[in-house]
Amino acid sequence: MNQPSTSPTKQLTSRGRRTRQQLLDAAELVFGEKGFEASSIAEITQRANVALGTFYVYFENKHALFVELVAQLGERLRKTLSTAVKGKTTRLEKERAGFRAFFEFAGKHRNLYRIVRQAEFVDEAVYLDYYRKLAAAYARGLKASMEQGELGRFDPEVIAYALMGIADFLGMRFVLWNEPEQLERAVDEVVEFIAHGLRSPARLKERP
């Protein structure tokens, strides 16, 4: 299995970093609209307003660009969620803020779903890395809340993936299917579900 990789940025000038990001932003649009296989480097550079030859200064090939794009989207999403829950004191406040932040991110990056799903077939390693890093950060927060007695004693990794699944489908339903006016109601419903589902009295005690 290939390992996820990204292209180096440390030696780039400010202008170079901007050009590189222009290519990534254009790739997000083109890959999302046409899919990886049907997308061309020429179209990506045209959308980025960058010369075709300049592409190879920053990326070895289309695959390298796609891998970097998925990795960057994952990093930006994790940072967005981390910022959203910062300063929140209770688990339910963090869940509400996290769900809202994910929906807002998905609304700004409407091709996120298509790109990540393609990653399973383009480069399985980067696909798995995207979800594993997201789940690991989520599980750490859930585990801390469990240890503080806010939540019942569950396997934090299992609950992290379960809640990620809920967020994924709600985002698809209320963001991609264009019913944003229902998002607040959806968040309320999810938080209510988490409050009563994860606070099961039988699970609030330590497992033997």
Protein backbone atom coordinates (compact mmCIF):
# COMPACT_ATOMS: atom_id res chain seq x y z
CA MET A 1 0.00 0.00 0.00
CA ASN A 2 1.33 3.44 -0.88
CA GLN A 3 1.93 5.84 1.96
CA PRO A 4 0.30 9.30 1.84
CA SER A 5 2.78 11.94 0.83
CA THR A 6 2.79 15.66 0.31
CA SER A 7 5.07 17.96 -1.62
CA PRO A 8 7.57 20.13 0.29
CA THR A 9 6.73 23.76 0.97
CA LYS A 10 9.44 24.91 3.40
CA GLN A 11 11.74 26.29 0.68
CA LEU A 12 9.05 28.12 -1.27
CA THR A 13 8.85 31.89 -1.39
CA SER A 14 5.64 33.66 -0.40
CA ARG A 15 4.78 33.93 -4.09
CA GLY A 16 5.55 30.25 -4.56
CA ARG A 17 3.26 29.28 -1.70
CA ARG A 18 0.49 31.38 -3.21
CA THR A 19 0.92 29.77 -6.62
CA ARG A 20 0.94 26.31 -5.08
CA GLN A 21 -2.26 27.10 -3.20
CA GLN A 22 -3.86 28.42 -6.39
CA LEU A 23 -3.22 25.01 -7.95
CA LEU A 24 -4.72 23.23 -4.95
CA ASP A 25 -7.79 25.47 -4.96
CA ALA A 26 -8.28 24.91 -8.68
CA ALA A 27 -7.81 21.16 -8.23
CA GLU A 28 -10.53 21.15 -5.56
CA LEU A 29 -12.95 22.57 -8.11
CA VAL A 30 -11.89 20.45 -11.08
CA PHE A 31 -11.59 17.13 -9.23
CA GLY A 32 -14.91 17.80 -7.55
CA GLU A 33 -16.67 18.63 -10.82
CA LYS A 34 -15.11 16.08 -13.18
CA GLY A 35 -13.55 13.40 -11.01
CA PHE A 36 -9.89 12.42 -10.86
CA GLU A 37 -9.72 10.36 -14.04
CA ALA A 38 -11.48 12.91 -16.27
CA SER A 39 -9.51 15.87 -14.91
CA SER A 40 -6.41 17.13 -16.68
CA ILE A 41 -3.42 19.09 -15.49
CA ALA A 42 -4.04 21.54 -18.33
CA GLU A 43 -7.54 22.35 -17.08
CA ILE A 44 -6.33 22.70 -13.49
CA THR A 45 -3.60 25.14 -14.49
CA GLN A 46 -6.08 27.11 -16.60
CA ARG A 47 -8.46 27.39 -13.66
CA ALA A 48 -5.55 28.43 -11.46
CA ASN A 49 -4.37 30.97 -14.05
CA VAL A 50 -0.94 29.33 -13.95
CA ALA A 51 1.28 28.28 -16.88
CA LEU A 52 1.21 24.56 -17.61
CA GLY A 53 4.95 24.17 -17.10
CA THR A 54 4.74 25.88 -13.71
CA PHE A 55 2.66 22.96 -12.41
CA TYR A 56 5.70 20.70 -12.32
CA VAL A 57 7.61 23.11 -10.11
CA TYR A 58 5.18 22.23 -7.33
CA PHE A 59 3.82 18.75 -8.09
CA GLU A 60 5.29 15.70 -9.77
CA ASN A 61 2.04 14.67 -11.41
CA LYS A 62 -1.76 14.76 -11.07
CA HIS A 63 -1.73 11.99 -8.47
CA ALA A 64 0.67 13.94 -6.23
CA LEU A 65 -1.60 16.97 -6.46
CA PHE A 66 -4.66 14.90 -5.53
CA VAL A 67 -2.90 13.33 -2.53
CA GLU A 68 -1.82 16.73 -1.29
CA LEU A 69 -5.31 18.13 -1.77
CA VAL A 70 -6.96 15.40 0.33
CA ALA A 71 -4.31 15.76 3.04
CA GLN A 72 -4.75 19.53 3.12
CA LEU A 73 -8.54 19.35 3.26
CA GLY A 74 -8.26 16.95 6.18
CA GLU A 75 -5.81 19.19 7.99
CA ARG A 76 -7.95 22.27 7.42
CA LEU A 77 -11.06 20.48 8.62
CA ARG A 78 -9.35 19.26 11.80
CA LYS A 79 -8.06 22.77 12.50
CA THR A 80 -11.53 24.23 11.91
CA LEU A 81 -13.10 21.78 14.35
CA SER A 82 -10.37 22.32 16.95
CA THR A 83 -10.85 26.08 16.77
CA ALA A 84 -14.63 25.73 17.00
CA VAL A 85 -14.59 23.73 20.24
CA LYS A 86 -11.85 25.74 21.90
CA GLY A 87 -13.13 27.42 25.04
CA LYS A 88 -16.25 25.26 25.24
CA THR A 89 -16.55 23.76 28.71
CA THR A 90 -19.02 20.88 28.39
CA ARG A 91 -19.07 17.94 26.00
CA LEU A 92 -22.46 18.90 24.62
CA GLU A 93 -21.26 22.44 23.90
CA LYS A 94 -18.29 20.97 22.07
CA GLU A 95 -20.49 18.62 20.08
CA ARG A 96 -22.83 21.43 19.07
CA ALA A 97 -19.93 23.66 18.03
CA GLY A 98 -18.19 20.81 16.22
CA PHE A 99 -21.24 19.81 14.20
CA ARG A 100 -21.92 23.41 13.24
CA ALA A 101 -18.29 23.91 12.21
CA PHE A 102 -18.32 20.77 10.07
CA PHE A 103 -21.50 21.84 8.30
CA GLU A 104 -20.05 25.30 7.63
CA PHE A 105 -16.83 23.76 6.30
CA ALA A 106 -18.78 21.40 4.04
CA GLY A 107 -20.80 24.36 2.80
CA LYS A 108 -17.64 26.27 1.88
CA HIS A 109 -16.01 23.18 0.36
CA ARG A 110 -18.92 21.60 -1.45
CA ASN A 111 -16.65 19.23 -3.36
CA LEU A 112 -15.24 17.76 -0.14
CA TYR A 113 -17.51 14.72 -0.22
CA ARG A 114 -16.75 13.85 -3.84
CA ILE A 115 -13.01 14.30 -3.45
CA VAL A 116 -12.69 12.21 -0.29
CA ARG A 117 -14.81 9.43 -1.76
CA GLN A 118 -12.63 9.36 -4.87
CA ALA A 119 -9.57 9.04 -2.67
CA GLU A 120 -10.56 5.49 -1.73
CA PHE A 121 -9.88 4.46 -5.33
CA VAL A 122 -7.14 6.92 -6.27
CA ASP A 123 -4.94 6.38 -3.19
CA GLU A 124 -6.33 4.24 -0.39
CA ALA A 125 -3.56 5.26 2.01
CA VAL A 126 -4.45 8.95 1.92
CA TYR A 127 -8.15 8.04 2.14
CA LEU A 128 -7.58 6.03 5.33
CA ASP A 129 -5.24 8.69 6.71
CA TYR A 130 -7.94 11.35 6.27
CA TYR A 131 -10.46 9.48 8.40
CA ARG A 132 -8.03 8.01 10.92
CA LYS A 133 -6.59 11.41 11.86
CA LEU A 134 -10.05 12.92 12.11
CA ALA A 135 -11.29 10.03 14.28
CA ALA A 136 -8.19 10.01 16.49
CA ALA A 137 -8.63 13.66 17.43
CA TYR A 138 -12.35 13.14 18.05
CA ALA A 139 -11.75 10.04 20.16
CA ARG A 140 -9.24 11.86 22.38
CA GLY A 141 -11.83 14.49 23.22
CA LEU A 142 -14.52 11.90 23.89
CA LYS A 143 -12.20 9.88 26.10
CA ALA A 144 -11.39 12.96 28.19
CA SER A 145 -15.11 13.66 28.65
CA MET A 146 -15.70 10.03 29.66
CA GLU A 147 -12.92 10.20 32.22
CA GLN A 148 -14.46 13.36 33.65
CA GLY A 149 -17.80 11.58 34.06
CA GLU A 150 -19.65 13.64 31.47
CA LEU A 151 -20.32 10.67 29.21
CA GLY A 152 -20.94 6.99 29.75
CA ARG A 153 -18.06 4.54 29.43
CA PHE A 154 -17.87 3.56 25.77
CA ASP A 155 -15.06 2.75 23.38
CA PRO A 156 -14.13 6.32 22.30
CA GLU A 157 -12.95 5.21 18.86
CA VAL A 158 -16.25 3.46 18.15
CA ILE A 159 -18.26 6.49 19.28
CA ALA A 160 -16.01 8.84 17.29
CA TYR A 161 -16.67 6.96 14.07
CA ALA A 162 -20.38 6.69 14.89
CA LEU A 163 -20.70 10.45 15.39
CA MET A 164 -18.59 11.15 12.31
CA GLY A 165 -21.04 9.01 10.37
CA ILE A 166 -23.95 11.04 11.70
CA ALA A 167 -22.21 14.30 10.75
CA ASP A 168 -21.35 12.94 7.31
CA PHE A 169 -24.92 12.02 6.41
CA LEU A 170 -26.49 15.10 7.97
CA GLY A 171 -24.07 17.26 6.00
CA MET A 172 -25.06 15.45 2.84
CA ARG A 173 -28.76 15.83 3.66
CA PHE A 174 -28.84 19.45 4.79
CA VAL A 175 -25.81 21.00 3.07
CA LEU A 176 -25.40 19.23 -0.28
CA TRP A 177 -29.13 18.79 -0.81
CA ASN A 178 -29.63 22.52 -0.26
CA GLU A 179 -31.76 22.78 2.84
CA PRO A 180 -29.49 24.92 5.05
CA GLU A 181 -32.48 26.41 6.86
CA GLN A 182 -32.91 23.00 8.49
CA LEU A 183 -29.34 22.80 9.79
CA GLU A 184 -29.98 24.36 13.17
CA ARG A 185 -32.84 21.97 13.80
CA ALA A 186 -30.59 19.07 12.78
CA VAL A 187 -27.89 20.21 15.20
CA ASP A 188 -30.45 20.45 18.01
CA GLU A 189 -31.67 16.94 17.28
CA VAL A 190 -28.15 15.49 17.22
CA VAL A 191 -27.13 17.15 20.47
CA GLU A 192 -30.32 15.90 22.12
CA PHE A 193 -29.58 12.40 20.85
CA ILE A 194 -26.01 12.55 22.14
CA ALA A 195 -27.15 13.84 25.51
CA HIS A 196 -29.51 10.95 26.11
CA GLY A 197 -27.80 8.25 24.11
CA LEU A 198 -24.28 8.62 25.48
CA ARG A 199 -25.41 9.35 29.03
CA SER A 200 -27.00 5.94 29.49
CA PRO A 201 -27.13 5.35 33.31
CA ALA A 202 -25.79 1.81 32.91
CA ARG A 203 -22.77 3.14 31.04
CA LEU A 204 -21.91 5.95 33.43
CA LYS A 205 -20.28 3.38 35.71
CA GLU A 206 -16.87 1.87 35.12
CA ARG A 207 -16.88 -1.33 33.15
CA PRO A 208 -15.60 -4.29 35.14
